[in-house]
Amino acid sequence: SYVDNGEGPDNLLLSEVENENILNKLVKEHMSNLGYKTVVILKGPDTRGINTAFISKFSLVGKPQLHIIPYTDPGAKKSRGILEITVNIKGKKVTFLSAHFPTQSNPTAQRKEAHEYLRDLMLDLQKQGRLVIAGGDLNTVPEEDQKYGYFSKTLSAAGQVSNLVGCKSCEGTHFYKGEWSFLDVMIYGNN
């Protein structure tokens, strides 16, 4: 509610939501005066019950779906998926993809597969003529981007990555052990 002079964001992608009851409680008890119409969470395979979610001031179009990332590592099979939601914004259908990738305690290969899957999903949706915005906690530190190009190459192929095209003086979105990182990222599709 601190965004836009207390009006709150129009669309909000959430990375760690335990269940639908908690999400609805948040919206009804703490955001009830902000005009949110769409509240979506789909239970994924995460055994801890942590899911991605979406809240919007715009009307839902179609049926939300959860894309399960096809990791090659059997240990990652229970990781969170990518939530796809489409809303009608002033006559235009805009698709949002809410993601939460494996943490830094997991192998880099898992984040590589997640970034590639998100890129391919964004590109596929854009080929269908859809306007796409993706984002969330991608759990990627600067060293990984420098070494593997997850933001600068992989996701940049599908759109503009917020920390590469946005605020040039911003230090990051996450401060941990004395260092800033852009773990939270938005990608604005090429179309």
C-alpha atoms as a PDB file:
ATOM      1  CA  SER A   1       0.000   0.000   0.000  1.00  0.00           C
ATOM      2  CA  TYR A   2       3.050   2.285   0.016  1.00  0.00           C
ATOM      3  CA  VAL A   3       3.091   2.403  -3.790  1.00  0.00           C
ATOM      4  CA  ASP A   4       1.370   5.104  -5.848  1.00  0.00           C
ATOM      5  CA  ASN A   5       0.519   7.457  -2.966  1.00  0.00           C
ATOM      6  CA  GLY A   6      -1.061   4.691  -0.893  1.00  0.00           C
ATOM      7  CA  GLU A   7      -3.090   3.194  -3.750  1.00  0.00           C
ATOM      8  CA  GLY A   8      -0.899   0.075  -3.957  1.00  0.00           C
ATOM      9  CA  PRO A   9       0.437  -1.579  -7.105  1.00  0.00           C
ATOM     10  CA  ASP A  10      -1.987  -2.455  -9.902  1.00  0.00           C
ATOM     11  CA  ASN A  11      -0.520  -5.952 -10.222  1.00  0.00           C
ATOM     12  CA  LEU A  12       1.443  -7.775  -7.565  1.00  0.00           C
ATOM     13  CA  LEU A  13       3.471 -10.956  -8.053  1.00  0.00           C
ATOM     14  CA  LEU A  14       4.131 -12.832  -4.809  1.00  0.00           C
ATOM     15  CA  SER A  15       6.874 -15.400  -4.341  1.00  0.00           C
ATOM     16  CA  GLU A  16       6.225 -17.119  -1.011  1.00  0.00           C
ATOM     17  CA  VAL A  17       2.608 -17.677  -0.065  1.00  0.00           C
ATOM     18  CA  GLU A  18       1.635 -20.601   2.154  1.00  0.00           C
ATOM     19  CA  ASN A  19      -1.998 -21.023   1.145  1.00  0.00           C
ATOM     20  CA  GLU A  20      -5.153 -19.468  -0.263  1.00  0.00           C
ATOM     21  CA  ASN A  21      -6.518 -18.584   3.193  1.00  0.00           C
ATOM     22  CA  ILE A  22      -3.459 -16.492   4.039  1.00  0.00           C
ATOM     23  CA  LEU A  23      -3.565 -14.765   0.648  1.00  0.00           C
ATOM     24  CA  ASN A  24      -7.264 -13.927   1.001  1.00  0.00           C
ATOM     25  CA  LYS A  25      -6.717 -12.708   4.561  1.00  0.00           C
ATOM     26  CA  LEU A  26      -3.961 -10.387   3.332  1.00  0.00           C
ATOM     27  CA  VAL A  27      -6.193  -8.916   0.636  1.00  0.00           C
ATOM     28  CA  LYS A  28      -9.401  -8.700   2.707  1.00  0.00           C
ATOM     29  CA  GLU A  29      -7.924  -7.471   5.976  1.00  0.00           C
ATOM     30  CA  HIS A  30      -4.952  -5.382   4.931  1.00  0.00           C
ATOM     31  CA  MET A  31      -5.662  -4.323   1.347  1.00  0.00           C
ATOM     32  CA  SER A  32      -9.465  -4.221   1.220  1.00  0.00           C
ATOM     33  CA  ASN A  33      -9.616  -0.533   0.322  1.00  0.00           C
ATOM     34  CA  LEU A  34      -7.245  -0.816  -2.668  1.00  0.00           C
ATOM     35  CA  GLY A  35      -9.658  -2.301  -5.219  1.00  0.00           C
ATOM     36  CA  TYR A  36      -8.124  -5.694  -5.952  1.00  0.00           C
ATOM     37  CA  LYS A  37     -10.381  -7.883  -8.124  1.00  0.00           C
ATOM     38  CA  THR A  38      -8.189 -10.843  -8.965  1.00  0.00           C
ATOM     39  CA  VAL A  39      -6.496 -13.045  -6.375  1.00  0.00           C
ATOM     40  CA  VAL A  40      -4.821 -16.235  -7.643  1.00  0.00           C
ATOM     41  CA  ILE A  41      -2.758 -18.981  -6.057  1.00  0.00           C
ATOM     42  CA  LEU A  42      -2.360 -22.508  -7.396  1.00  0.00           C
ATOM     43  CA  LYS A  43      -0.908 -25.216  -5.195  1.00  0.00           C
ATOM     44  CA  GLY A  44       2.336 -26.517  -6.626  1.00  0.00           C
ATOM     45  CA  PRO A  45       4.626 -29.439  -5.866  1.00  0.00           C
ATOM     46  CA  ASP A  46       6.697 -27.656  -3.196  1.00  0.00           C
ATOM     47  CA  THR A  47       6.564 -29.963  -0.165  1.00  0.00           C
ATOM     48  CA  ARG A  48       6.836 -26.999   2.224  1.00  0.00           C
ATOM     49  CA  GLY A  49       3.616 -25.520   0.845  1.00  0.00           C
ATOM     50  CA  ILE A  50       5.264 -22.372  -0.472  1.00  0.00           C
ATOM     51  CA  ASN A  51       3.652 -21.130  -3.686  1.00  0.00           C
ATOM     52  CA  THR A  52       3.695 -18.172  -6.030  1.00  0.00           C
ATOM     53  CA  ALA A  53       0.593 -15.984  -6.231  1.00  0.00           C
ATOM     54  CA  PHE A  54      -0.840 -12.952  -8.013  1.00  0.00           C
ATOM     55  CA  ILE A  55      -3.072 -10.026  -7.019  1.00  0.00           C
ATOM     56  CA  SER A  56      -4.496  -7.504  -9.504  1.00  0.00           C
ATOM     57  CA  LYS A  57      -6.875  -4.576  -9.770  1.00  0.00           C
ATOM     58  CA  PHE A  58      -7.860  -5.914 -13.200  1.00  0.00           C
ATOM     59  CA  SER A  59     -10.230  -8.711 -14.235  1.00  0.00           C
ATOM     60  CA  LEU A  60      -8.991 -12.223 -14.855  1.00  0.00           C
ATOM     61  CA  VAL A  61      -9.054 -13.528 -18.437  1.00  0.00           C
ATOM     62  CA  GLY A  62      -9.157 -17.282 -18.964  1.00  0.00           C
ATOM     63  CA  LYS A  63      -7.918 -19.861 -16.511  1.00  0.00           C
ATOM     64  CA  PRO A  64      -4.652 -19.467 -14.584  1.00  0.00           C
ATOM     65  CA  GLN A  65      -2.178 -22.303 -14.901  1.00  0.00           C
ATOM     66  CA  LEU A  66       0.922 -23.540 -13.166  1.00  0.00           C
ATOM     67  CA  HIS A  67       3.892 -24.480 -15.346  1.00  0.00           C
ATOM     68  CA  ILE A  68       6.062 -27.107 -13.682  1.00  0.00           C
ATOM     69  CA  ILE A  69       9.723 -26.650 -14.638  1.00  0.00           C
ATOM     70  CA  PRO A  70      11.065 -29.949 -16.055  1.00  0.00           C
ATOM     71  CA  TYR A  71      14.265 -30.164 -14.010  1.00  0.00           C
ATOM     72  CA  THR A  72      16.670 -32.974 -14.867  1.00  0.00           C
ATOM     73  CA  ASP A  73      17.736 -33.295 -11.206  1.00  0.00           C
ATOM     74  CA  PRO A  74      15.205 -35.566  -9.442  1.00  0.00           C
ATOM     75  CA  GLY A  75      15.784 -33.555  -6.242  1.00  0.00           C
ATOM     76  CA  ALA A  76      14.301 -30.464  -7.871  1.00  0.00           C
ATOM     77  CA  LYS A  77      11.049 -32.082  -9.017  1.00  0.00           C
ATOM     78  CA  LYS A  78       9.190 -30.679  -6.000  1.00  0.00           C
ATOM     79  CA  SER A  79      10.303 -27.118  -6.653  1.00  0.00           C
ATOM     80  CA  ARG A  80       7.837 -24.288  -7.265  1.00  0.00           C
ATOM     81  CA  GLY A  81       6.373 -23.827 -10.720  1.00  0.00           C
ATOM     82  CA  ILE A  82       5.704 -20.650 -12.704  1.00  0.00           C
ATOM     83  CA  LEU A  83       2.199 -19.239 -12.244  1.00  0.00           C
ATOM     84  CA  GLU A  84       0.620 -17.882 -15.446  1.00  0.00           C
ATOM     85  CA  ILE A  85      -2.239 -15.388 -15.151  1.00  0.00           C
ATOM     86  CA  THR A  86      -3.801 -13.131 -17.771  1.00  0.00           C
ATOM     87  CA  VAL A  87      -5.750  -9.977 -16.925  1.00  0.00           C
ATOM     88  CA  ASN A  88      -7.549  -7.378 -19.010  1.00  0.00           C
ATOM     89  CA  ILE A  89      -5.831  -4.005 -18.668  1.00  0.00           C
ATOM     90  CA  LYS A  90      -7.827  -1.304 -20.419  1.00  0.00           C
ATOM     91  CA  GLY A  91      -8.846  -3.614 -23.269  1.00  0.00           C
ATOM     92  CA  LYS A  92      -5.479  -5.365 -23.611  1.00  0.00           C
ATOM     93  CA  LYS A  93      -4.787  -8.865 -22.370  1.00  0.00           C
ATOM     94  CA  VAL A  94      -1.543  -8.952 -20.398  1.00  0.00           C
ATOM     95  CA  THR A  95      -0.057 -12.222 -19.205  1.00  0.00           C
ATOM     96  CA  PHE A  96       1.950 -12.291 -15.976  1.00  0.00           C
ATOM     97  CA  LEU A  97       4.325 -15.057 -14.978  1.00  0.00           C
ATOM     98  CA  SER A  98       5.090 -15.267 -11.262  1.00  0.00           C
ATOM     99  CA  ALA A  99       8.191 -17.287 -10.396  1.00  0.00           C
ATOM    100  CA  HIS A 100      10.338 -18.327  -7.451  1.00  0.00           C
ATOM    101  CA  PHE A 101      13.472 -20.194  -8.516  1.00  0.00           C
ATOM    102  CA  PRO A 102      15.597 -22.576  -6.408  1.00  0.00           C
ATOM    103  CA  THR A 103      17.679 -20.886  -3.725  1.00  0.00           C
ATOM    104  CA  GLN A 104      21.427 -20.418  -3.714  1.00  0.00           C
ATOM    105  CA  SER A 105      21.743 -23.540  -1.542  1.00  0.00           C
ATOM    106  CA  ASN A 106      20.667 -25.546  -4.604  1.00  0.00           C
ATOM    107  CA  PRO A 107      22.967 -26.326  -7.546  1.00  0.00           C
ATOM    108  CA  THR A 108      23.466 -23.609 -10.157  1.00  0.00           C
ATOM    109  CA  ALA A 109      22.235 -26.078 -12.797  1.00  0.00           C
ATOM    110  CA  GLN A 110      18.721 -25.866 -11.334  1.00  0.00           C
ATOM    111  CA  ARG A 111      18.591 -22.077 -11.724  1.00  0.00           C
ATOM    112  CA  LYS A 112      20.019 -22.447 -15.248  1.00  0.00           C
ATOM    113  CA  GLU A 113      17.158 -24.769 -16.212  1.00  0.00           C
ATOM    114  CA  ALA A 114      14.620 -22.452 -14.540  1.00  0.00           C
ATOM    115  CA  HIS A 115      15.914 -19.377 -16.405  1.00  0.00           C
ATOM    116  CA  GLU A 116      15.895 -21.235 -19.716  1.00  0.00           C
ATOM    117  CA  TYR A 117      12.377 -22.539 -19.112  1.00  0.00           C
ATOM    118  CA  LEU A 118      11.091 -19.058 -18.236  1.00  0.00           C
ATOM    119  CA  ARG A 119      12.771 -17.593 -21.325  1.00  0.00           C
ATOM    120  CA  ASP A 120      11.242 -20.257 -23.570  1.00  0.00           C
ATOM    121  CA  LEU A 121       7.807 -19.823 -21.983  1.00  0.00           C
ATOM    122  CA  MET A 122       7.964 -16.048 -22.474  1.00  0.00           C
ATOM    123  CA  LEU A 123       9.084 -16.417 -26.089  1.00  0.00           C
ATOM    124  CA  ASP A 124       6.346 -18.963 -26.814  1.00  0.00           C
ATOM    125  CA  LEU A 125       3.643 -16.707 -25.357  1.00  0.00           C
ATOM    126  CA  GLN A 126       5.000 -13.732 -27.305  1.00  0.00           C
ATOM    127  CA  LYS A 127       4.904 -15.765 -30.544  1.00  0.00           C
ATOM    128  CA  GLN A 128       1.185 -16.187 -29.809  1.00  0.00           C
ATOM    129  CA  GLY A 129       0.929 -12.378 -29.818  1.00  0.00           C
ATOM    130  CA  ARG A 130       0.582 -12.042 -26.063  1.00  0.00           C
ATOM    131  CA  LEU A 131       1.937  -9.188 -23.953  1.00  0.00           C
ATOM    132  CA  VAL A 132       4.058 -10.793 -21.212  1.00  0.00           C
ATOM    133  CA  ILE A 133       5.560  -9.605 -17.939  1.00  0.00           C
ATOM    134  CA  ALA A 134       7.451 -12.086 -15.779  1.00  0.00           C
ATOM    135  CA  GLY A 135       8.980 -11.663 -12.387  1.00  0.00           C
ATOM    136  CA  GLY A 136       9.621 -12.854  -8.908  1.00  0.00           C
ATOM    137  CA  ASP A 137      12.402 -14.096  -6.697  1.00  0.00           C
ATOM    138  CA  LEU A 138      14.785 -15.643  -9.215  1.00  0.00           C
ATOM    139  CA  ASN A 139      17.463 -16.235  -6.552  1.00  0.00           C
ATOM    140  CA  THR A 140      20.288 -15.280  -8.889  1.00  0.00           C
ATOM    141  CA  VAL A 141      23.344 -13.459  -7.564  1.00  0.00           C
ATOM    142  CA  PRO A 142      25.554 -11.143  -9.667  1.00  0.00           C
ATOM    143  CA  GLU A 143      28.357 -13.718  -9.849  1.00  0.00           C
ATOM    144  CA  GLU A 144      26.032 -16.174 -11.602  1.00  0.00           C
ATOM    145  CA  ASP A 145      24.972 -13.589 -14.143  1.00  0.00           C
ATOM    146  CA  GLN A 146      28.583 -12.605 -14.785  1.00  0.00           C
ATOM    147  CA  LYS A 147      29.607 -16.231 -15.238  1.00  0.00           C
ATOM    148  CA  TYR A 148      26.530 -17.700 -16.973  1.00  0.00           C
ATOM    149  CA  GLY A 149      24.558 -14.695 -18.280  1.00  0.00           C
ATOM    150  CA  TYR A 150      21.209 -15.719 -16.784  1.00  0.00           C
ATOM    151  CA  PHE A 151      19.965 -12.115 -16.887  1.00  0.00           C
ATOM    152  CA  SER A 152      22.219 -10.540 -19.522  1.00  0.00           C
ATOM    153  CA  LYS A 153      21.843 -13.336 -22.084  1.00  0.00           C
ATOM    154  CA  THR A 154      19.178 -15.924 -21.245  1.00  0.00           C
ATOM    155  CA  LEU A 155      16.314 -13.732 -20.010  1.00  0.00           C
ATOM    156  CA  SER A 156      17.345 -10.730 -22.119  1.00  0.00           C
ATOM    157  CA  ALA A 157      16.470 -12.846 -25.165  1.00  0.00           C
ATOM    158  CA  ALA A 158      12.820 -12.743 -24.033  1.00  0.00           C
ATOM    159  CA  GLY A 159      12.604  -9.147 -22.855  1.00  0.00           C
ATOM    160  CA  GLN A 160      14.063  -6.308 -20.864  1.00  0.00           C
ATOM    161  CA  VAL A 161      15.373  -7.340 -17.453  1.00  0.00           C
ATOM    162  CA  SER A 162      14.564  -4.760 -14.781  1.00  0.00           C
ATOM    163  CA  ASN A 163      17.952  -4.535 -13.100  1.00  0.00           C
ATOM    164  CA  LEU A 164      19.699  -4.156 -16.478  1.00  0.00           C
ATOM    165  CA  VAL A 165      17.447  -1.414 -17.900  1.00  0.00           C
ATOM    166  CA  GLY A 166      16.028   0.244 -14.774  1.00  0.00           C
ATOM    167  CA  CYS A 167      17.566   2.289 -12.029  1.00  0.00           C
ATOM    168  CA  LYS A 168      21.267   2.613 -12.753  1.00  0.00           C
ATOM    169  CA  SER A 169      22.088   3.708  -9.205  1.00  0.00           C
ATOM    170  CA  CYS A 170      20.072   0.967  -7.444  1.00  0.00           C
ATOM    171  CA  GLU A 171      22.217  -1.369  -5.396  1.00  0.00           C
ATOM    172  CA  GLY A 172      19.807  -4.287  -5.437  1.00  0.00           C
ATOM    173  CA  THR A 173      16.597  -5.750  -4.043  1.00  0.00           C
ATOM    174  CA  HIS A 174      18.132  -8.029  -1.422  1.00  0.00           C
ATOM    175  CA  PHE A 175      20.813  -7.285   1.179  1.00  0.00           C
ATOM    176  CA  TYR A 176      22.523 -10.357   2.631  1.00  0.00           C
ATOM    177  CA  LYS A 177      25.811 -10.728   4.496  1.00  0.00           C
ATOM    178  CA  GLY A 178      26.840  -7.187   3.621  1.00  0.00           C
ATOM    179  CA  GLU A 179      26.171  -7.462  -0.132  1.00  0.00           C
ATOM    180  CA  TRP A 180      23.364  -6.343  -2.415  1.00  0.00           C
ATOM    181  CA  SER A 181      21.866  -8.631  -5.099  1.00  0.00           C
ATOM    182  CA  PHE A 182      18.993  -8.465  -7.554  1.00  0.00           C
ATOM    183  CA  LEU A 183      17.208 -11.630  -6.469  1.00  0.00           C
ATOM    184  CA  ASP A 184      13.845 -10.015  -7.250  1.00  0.00           C
ATOM    185  CA  VAL A 185      13.569  -9.290 -10.956  1.00  0.00           C
ATOM    186  CA  MET A 186      10.976  -8.274 -13.552  1.00  0.00           C
ATOM    187  CA  ILE A 187      11.245  -9.109 -17.264  1.00  0.00           C
ATOM    188  CA  TYR A 188       9.151  -7.065 -19.686  1.00  0.00           C
ATOM    189  CA  GLY A 189       8.465  -9.054 -22.860  1.00  0.00           C
ATOM    190  CA  ASN A 190       9.825  -7.845 -26.178  1.00  0.00           C
ATOM    191  CA  ASN A 191       6.320  -7.098 -27.478  1.00  0.00           C
END
